[in-house]
Amino acid sequence: MATKASSYVPDSPDFVPIVDQTLHGGPGDRYLSAMPIGVVTAVIVVASIGFAVYMIRKSGALGPSKAKRELAAQLVQTGSKARAMILAIQPTGTVVNNINIQCHVRFRLDPLHGGMPFEGDKTMLIAQTSMPRIGDIWPSWYNPADVTQFAVGQPESINAEQIATFREFGIPHPLDREWRQS
């Protein structure tokens, strides 16, 4: 029997409503069907924000983590000393505050008290105004038991403590006027 859509009557045996009762919770429950969509949307938004924060922290765009800062402080106190020469600088594309560029920096570390030089990589934020050059040498401290653990002293400002550190390592500080005159 062929009938037109306009001739369907809800009480007729030919009328079959297309409603999935499992999604809507049953007749008369108008608002339950919208709730799962809202919950799913909220979960997706929260998960996206969490993932974005995780990736930003992992990338180092917010600076080194607390654990990395503590390791660097420990290496400065107890680590062996080396001169770290910059072999390569590669920007990652991340820029923080329109001035600091995140870069992968490759170093060759020459231990001050003898030993074989070794190479290591760091991902760090570098200000555009003080971008280092290949061949620049910075003070470095490393763990002799695990040479992948090392910290470098990037010249940032002219202060007596930083200049003294560079002199201790036998490295001319770029802002040390006395070193340049002698």
C-alpha atoms as a PDB file:
ATOM      1  CA  MET A   1       0.000   0.000   0.000  1.00  0.00           C
ATOM      2  CA  ALA A   2       1.529   3.247  -1.110  1.00  0.00           C
ATOM      3  CA  THR A   3       0.688   6.330   0.878  1.00  0.00           C
ATOM      4  CA  LYS A   4       2.029   9.826   0.887  1.00  0.00           C
ATOM      5  CA  ALA A   5       3.987  11.215   3.797  1.00  0.00           C
ATOM      6  CA  SER A   6       1.267  13.774   4.448  1.00  0.00           C
ATOM      7  CA  SER A   7      -1.280  11.002   5.018  1.00  0.00           C
ATOM      8  CA  TYR A   8       0.587   9.445   7.984  1.00  0.00           C
ATOM      9  CA  VAL A   9      -1.387   9.609  11.156  1.00  0.00           C
ATOM     10  CA  PRO A  10       0.398   8.953  14.473  1.00  0.00           C
ATOM     11  CA  ASP A  11      -2.303   6.515  15.664  1.00  0.00           C
ATOM     12  CA  SER A  12      -2.242   4.582  12.413  1.00  0.00           C
ATOM     13  CA  PRO A  13      -0.518   1.147  12.392  1.00  0.00           C
ATOM     14  CA  ASP A  14       1.602   2.331   9.390  1.00  0.00           C
ATOM     15  CA  PHE A  15       3.125   5.209  11.377  1.00  0.00           C
ATOM     16  CA  VAL A  16       6.478   4.307  12.902  1.00  0.00           C
ATOM     17  CA  PRO A  17       8.250   7.180  14.660  1.00  0.00           C
ATOM     18  CA  ILE A  18      11.987   7.326  13.999  1.00  0.00           C
ATOM     19  CA  VAL A  19      13.251   7.871  17.510  1.00  0.00           C
ATOM     20  CA  ASP A  20      16.103   6.001  19.100  1.00  0.00           C
ATOM     21  CA  GLN A  21      14.893   5.477  22.649  1.00  0.00           C
ATOM     22  CA  THR A  22      18.425   4.664  23.894  1.00  0.00           C
ATOM     23  CA  LEU A  23      19.690   8.175  23.059  1.00  0.00           C
ATOM     24  CA  HIS A  24      16.732  10.119  24.426  1.00  0.00           C
ATOM     25  CA  GLY A  25      15.864   8.238  27.576  1.00  0.00           C
ATOM     26  CA  GLY A  26      12.246   7.650  26.698  1.00  0.00           C
ATOM     27  CA  PRO A  27       9.121   9.596  25.836  1.00  0.00           C
ATOM     28  CA  GLY A  28       8.610  12.885  27.612  1.00  0.00           C
ATOM     29  CA  ASP A  29      12.299  13.380  28.471  1.00  0.00           C
ATOM     30  CA  ARG A  30      13.116  16.395  26.323  1.00  0.00           C
ATOM     31  CA  TYR A  31      16.292  17.658  28.002  1.00  0.00           C
ATOM     32  CA  LEU A  32      18.215  14.431  28.607  1.00  0.00           C
ATOM     33  CA  SER A  33      19.222  14.203  24.934  1.00  0.00           C
ATOM     34  CA  ALA A  34      21.051  17.556  25.070  1.00  0.00           C
ATOM     35  CA  MET A  35      23.004  16.687  28.210  1.00  0.00           C
ATOM     36  CA  PRO A  36      25.396  14.127  26.668  1.00  0.00           C
ATOM     37  CA  ILE A  37      26.339  16.600  23.938  1.00  0.00           C
ATOM     38  CA  GLY A  38      27.140  19.269  26.533  1.00  0.00           C
ATOM     39  CA  VAL A  39      29.137  16.817  28.660  1.00  0.00           C
ATOM     40  CA  VAL A  40      31.067  15.571  25.640  1.00  0.00           C
ATOM     41  CA  THR A  41      31.788  19.134  24.555  1.00  0.00           C
ATOM     42  CA  ALA A  42      33.002  20.068  28.048  1.00  0.00           C
ATOM     43  CA  VAL A  43      35.249  16.998  28.215  1.00  0.00           C
ATOM     44  CA  ILE A  44      36.740  17.794  24.799  1.00  0.00           C
ATOM     45  CA  VAL A  45      37.382  21.432  25.768  1.00  0.00           C
ATOM     46  CA  VAL A  46      39.009  20.494  29.095  1.00  0.00           C
ATOM     47  CA  ALA A  47      41.119  17.774  27.448  1.00  0.00           C
ATOM     48  CA  SER A  48      42.231  20.185  24.701  1.00  0.00           C
ATOM     49  CA  ILE A  49      43.248  22.835  27.211  1.00  0.00           C
ATOM     50  CA  GLY A  50      45.084  20.247  29.304  1.00  0.00           C
ATOM     51  CA  PHE A  51      46.917  18.920  26.253  1.00  0.00           C
ATOM     52  CA  ALA A  52      47.866  22.451  25.150  1.00  0.00           C
ATOM     53  CA  VAL A  53      49.251  23.305  28.604  1.00  0.00           C
ATOM     54  CA  TYR A  54      51.171  20.010  28.683  1.00  0.00           C
ATOM     55  CA  MET A  55      52.712  20.662  25.257  1.00  0.00           C
ATOM     56  CA  ILE A  56      53.656  24.247  26.156  1.00  0.00           C
ATOM     57  CA  ARG A  57      55.326  23.100  29.378  1.00  0.00           C
ATOM     58  CA  LYS A  58      57.052  20.211  27.607  1.00  0.00           C
ATOM     59  CA  SER A  59      58.353  22.513  24.866  1.00  0.00           C
ATOM     60  CA  GLY A  60      60.095  24.732  27.399  1.00  0.00           C
ATOM     61  CA  ALA A  61      58.315  27.847  26.246  1.00  0.00           C
ATOM     62  CA  LEU A  62      57.597  28.708  29.870  1.00  0.00           C
ATOM     63  CA  GLY A  63      61.247  28.275  30.819  1.00  0.00           C
ATOM     64  CA  PRO A  64      62.904  25.310  32.459  1.00  0.00           C
ATOM     65  CA  SER A  65      60.899  23.123  34.800  1.00  0.00           C
ATOM     66  CA  LYS A  66      61.519  23.141  38.530  1.00  0.00           C
ATOM     67  CA  ALA A  67      63.389  19.837  38.277  1.00  0.00           C
ATOM     68  CA  LYS A  68      65.687  21.230  35.551  1.00  0.00           C
ATOM     69  CA  ARG A  69      66.351  24.391  37.571  1.00  0.00           C
ATOM     70  CA  GLU A  70      67.221  22.276  40.624  1.00  0.00           C
ATOM     71  CA  LEU A  71      69.531  20.043  38.534  1.00  0.00           C
ATOM     72  CA  ALA A  72      71.289  23.114  37.098  1.00  0.00           C
ATOM     73  CA  ALA A  73      71.781  24.564  40.597  1.00  0.00           C
ATOM     74  CA  GLN A  74      73.145  21.228  41.823  1.00  0.00           C
ATOM     75  CA  LEU A  75      75.551  20.994  38.857  1.00  0.00           C
ATOM     76  CA  VAL A  76      76.848  24.522  39.521  1.00  0.00           C
ATOM     77  CA  GLN A  77      77.520  23.541  43.149  1.00  0.00           C
ATOM     78  CA  THR A  78      78.954  20.032  42.692  1.00  0.00           C
ATOM     79  CA  GLY A  79      79.594  19.431  38.980  1.00  0.00           C
ATOM     80  CA  SER A  80      82.848  19.406  37.051  1.00  0.00           C
ATOM     81  CA  LYS A  81      83.680  22.542  35.084  1.00  0.00           C
ATOM     82  CA  ALA A  82      84.046  22.862  31.320  1.00  0.00           C
ATOM     83  CA  ARG A  83      84.100  25.491  28.602  1.00  0.00           C
ATOM     84  CA  ALA A  84      81.081  25.060  26.323  1.00  0.00           C
ATOM     85  CA  MET A  85      81.625  26.201  22.733  1.00  0.00           C
ATOM     86  CA  ILE A  86      78.530  26.772  20.623  1.00  0.00           C
ATOM     87  CA  LEU A  87      78.643  24.571  17.518  1.00  0.00           C
ATOM     88  CA  ALA A  88      75.135  25.168  16.157  1.00  0.00           C
ATOM     89  CA  ILE A  89      72.012  27.189  16.904  1.00  0.00           C
ATOM     90  CA  GLN A  90      68.664  26.178  15.416  1.00  0.00           C
ATOM     91  CA  PRO A  91      65.474  28.155  16.254  1.00  0.00           C
ATOM     92  CA  THR A  92      62.462  25.922  16.925  1.00  0.00           C
ATOM     93  CA  GLY A  93      59.924  28.507  15.774  1.00  0.00           C
ATOM     94  CA  THR A  94      58.601  29.243  19.263  1.00  0.00           C
ATOM     95  CA  VAL A  95      58.765  32.897  20.308  1.00  0.00           C
ATOM     96  CA  VAL A  96      57.888  34.021  23.834  1.00  0.00           C
ATOM     97  CA  ASN A  97      56.872  37.623  24.574  1.00  0.00           C
ATOM     98  CA  ASN A  98      57.940  38.690  21.063  1.00  0.00           C
ATOM     99  CA  ILE A  99      61.594  38.748  22.167  1.00  0.00           C
ATOM    100  CA  ASN A 100      62.747  35.325  23.400  1.00  0.00           C
ATOM    101  CA  ILE A 101      63.370  32.675  20.769  1.00  0.00           C
ATOM    102  CA  GLN A 102      63.454  29.017  21.703  1.00  0.00           C
ATOM    103  CA  CYS A 103      66.511  27.374  20.120  1.00  0.00           C
ATOM    104  CA  HIS A 104      68.216  24.004  20.005  1.00  0.00           C
ATOM    105  CA  VAL A 105      71.860  24.737  20.791  1.00  0.00           C
ATOM    106  CA  ARG A 106      74.664  22.221  20.228  1.00  0.00           C
ATOM    107  CA  PHE A 107      77.745  22.576  22.446  1.00  0.00           C
ATOM    108  CA  ARG A 108      81.207  21.047  22.581  1.00  0.00           C
ATOM    109  CA  LEU A 109      82.274  20.853  26.225  1.00  0.00           C
ATOM    110  CA  ASP A 110      86.006  20.919  26.981  1.00  0.00           C
ATOM    111  CA  PRO A 111      86.615  19.891  30.619  1.00  0.00           C
ATOM    112  CA  LEU A 112      88.813  22.409  32.463  1.00  0.00           C
ATOM    113  CA  HIS A 113      90.773  19.716  34.325  1.00  0.00           C
ATOM    114  CA  GLY A 114      91.548  17.538  31.317  1.00  0.00           C
ATOM    115  CA  GLY A 115      89.593  14.773  29.721  1.00  0.00           C
ATOM    116  CA  MET A 116      88.037  14.149  26.358  1.00  0.00           C
ATOM    117  CA  PRO A 117      85.766  16.852  24.961  1.00  0.00           C
ATOM    118  CA  PHE A 118      82.167  15.792  24.376  1.00  0.00           C
ATOM    119  CA  GLU A 119      79.114  17.266  22.725  1.00  0.00           C
ATOM    120  CA  GLY A 120      75.648  17.937  24.095  1.00  0.00           C
ATOM    121  CA  ASP A 121      72.403  19.661  23.146  1.00  0.00           C
ATOM    122  CA  LYS A 122      70.172  22.065  25.023  1.00  0.00           C
ATOM    123  CA  THR A 123      66.815  23.582  24.144  1.00  0.00           C
ATOM    124  CA  MET A 124      66.737  27.058  25.613  1.00  0.00           C
ATOM    125  CA  LEU A 125      65.123  30.480  25.375  1.00  0.00           C
ATOM    126  CA  ILE A 126      67.485  33.128  24.048  1.00  0.00           C
ATOM    127  CA  ALA A 127      66.685  36.836  23.842  1.00  0.00           C
ATOM    128  CA  GLN A 128      66.892  38.224  20.310  1.00  0.00           C
ATOM    129  CA  THR A 129      68.963  41.086  21.669  1.00  0.00           C
ATOM    130  CA  SER A 130      71.645  38.717  22.980  1.00  0.00           C
ATOM    131  CA  MET A 131      71.615  35.963  20.362  1.00  0.00           C
ATOM    132  CA  PRO A 132      74.916  34.062  20.603  1.00  0.00           C
ATOM    133  CA  ARG A 133      77.103  33.220  17.650  1.00  0.00           C
ATOM    134  CA  ILE A 134      78.671  29.965  16.636  1.00  0.00           C
ATOM    135  CA  GLY A 135      82.065  29.822  18.336  1.00  0.00           C
ATOM    136  CA  ASP A 136      80.983  31.708  21.462  1.00  0.00           C
ATOM    137  CA  ILE A 137      82.199  30.050  24.666  1.00  0.00           C
ATOM    138  CA  TRP A 138      80.182  29.870  27.870  1.00  0.00           C
ATOM    139  CA  PRO A 139      81.014  28.393  31.282  1.00  0.00           C
ATOM    140  CA  SER A 140      79.523  24.963  31.857  1.00  0.00           C
ATOM    141  CA  TRP A 141      79.101  22.462  34.686  1.00  0.00           C
ATOM    142  CA  TYR A 142      78.479  18.774  34.053  1.00  0.00           C
ATOM    143  CA  ASN A 143      77.996  15.464  35.824  1.00  0.00           C
ATOM    144  CA  PRO A 144      81.097  13.311  35.081  1.00  0.00           C
ATOM    145  CA  ALA A 145      79.035  10.149  35.677  1.00  0.00           C
ATOM    146  CA  ASP A 146      76.433  11.242  33.086  1.00  0.00           C
ATOM    147  CA  VAL A 147      77.720  13.859  30.632  1.00  0.00           C
ATOM    148  CA  THR A 148      74.224  14.339  29.198  1.00  0.00           C
ATOM    149  CA  GLN A 149      73.516  16.307  32.389  1.00  0.00           C
ATOM    150  CA  PHE A 150      75.091  19.722  32.005  1.00  0.00           C
ATOM    151  CA  ALA A 151      74.260  23.366  32.603  1.00  0.00           C
ATOM    152  CA  VAL A 152      75.605  26.394  30.768  1.00  0.00           C
ATOM    153  CA  GLY A 153      76.073  29.962  31.970  1.00  0.00           C
ATOM    154  CA  GLN A 154      74.671  32.199  29.266  1.00  0.00           C
ATOM    155  CA  PRO A 155      75.959  35.795  29.449  1.00  0.00           C
ATOM    156  CA  GLU A 156      72.926  37.977  30.080  1.00  0.00           C
ATOM    157  CA  SER A 157      74.062  41.105  31.856  1.00  0.00           C
ATOM    158  CA  ILE A 158      77.127  42.777  33.170  1.00  0.00           C
ATOM    159  CA  ASN A 159      77.424  42.066  36.860  1.00  0.00           C
ATOM    160  CA  ALA A 160      80.412  41.297  39.043  1.00  0.00           C
ATOM    161  CA  GLU A 161      79.351  37.697  39.785  1.00  0.00           C
ATOM    162  CA  GLN A 162      78.916  36.719  36.157  1.00  0.00           C
ATOM    163  CA  ILE A 163      82.157  38.397  35.063  1.00  0.00           C
ATOM    164  CA  ALA A 164      84.031  36.622  37.890  1.00  0.00           C
ATOM    165  CA  THR A 165      82.593  33.286  36.732  1.00  0.00           C
ATOM    166  CA  PHE A 166      83.722  33.879  33.154  1.00  0.00           C
ATOM    167  CA  ARG A 167      87.199  34.883  34.369  1.00  0.00           C
ATOM    168  CA  GLU A 168      87.377  31.729  36.533  1.00  0.00           C
ATOM    169  CA  PHE A 169      86.773  29.664  33.394  1.00  0.00           C
ATOM    170  CA  GLY A 170      89.307  31.702  31.394  1.00  0.00           C
ATOM    171  CA  ILE A 171      86.583  33.003  29.081  1.00  0.00           C
ATOM    172  CA  PRO A 172      86.332  36.657  28.073  1.00  0.00           C
ATOM    173  CA  HIS A 173      82.867  37.961  28.993  1.00  0.00           C
ATOM    174  CA  PRO A 174      81.432  39.914  26.060  1.00  0.00           C
ATOM    175  CA  LEU A 175      80.562  42.793  28.388  1.00  0.00           C
ATOM    176  CA  ASP A 176      83.798  42.752  30.446  1.00  0.00           C
ATOM    177  CA  ARG A 177      85.542  46.039  29.668  1.00  0.00           C
ATOM    178  CA  GLU A 178      88.624  45.202  31.740  1.00  0.00           C
ATOM    179  CA  TRP A 179      89.255  41.917  29.870  1.00  0.00           C
ATOM    180  CA  ARG A 180      89.106  43.725  26.536  1.00  0.00           C
ATOM    181  CA  GLN A 181      91.668  46.311  27.661  1.00  0.00           C
ATOM    182  CA  SER A 182      94.225  43.786  28.910  1.00  0.00           C
END
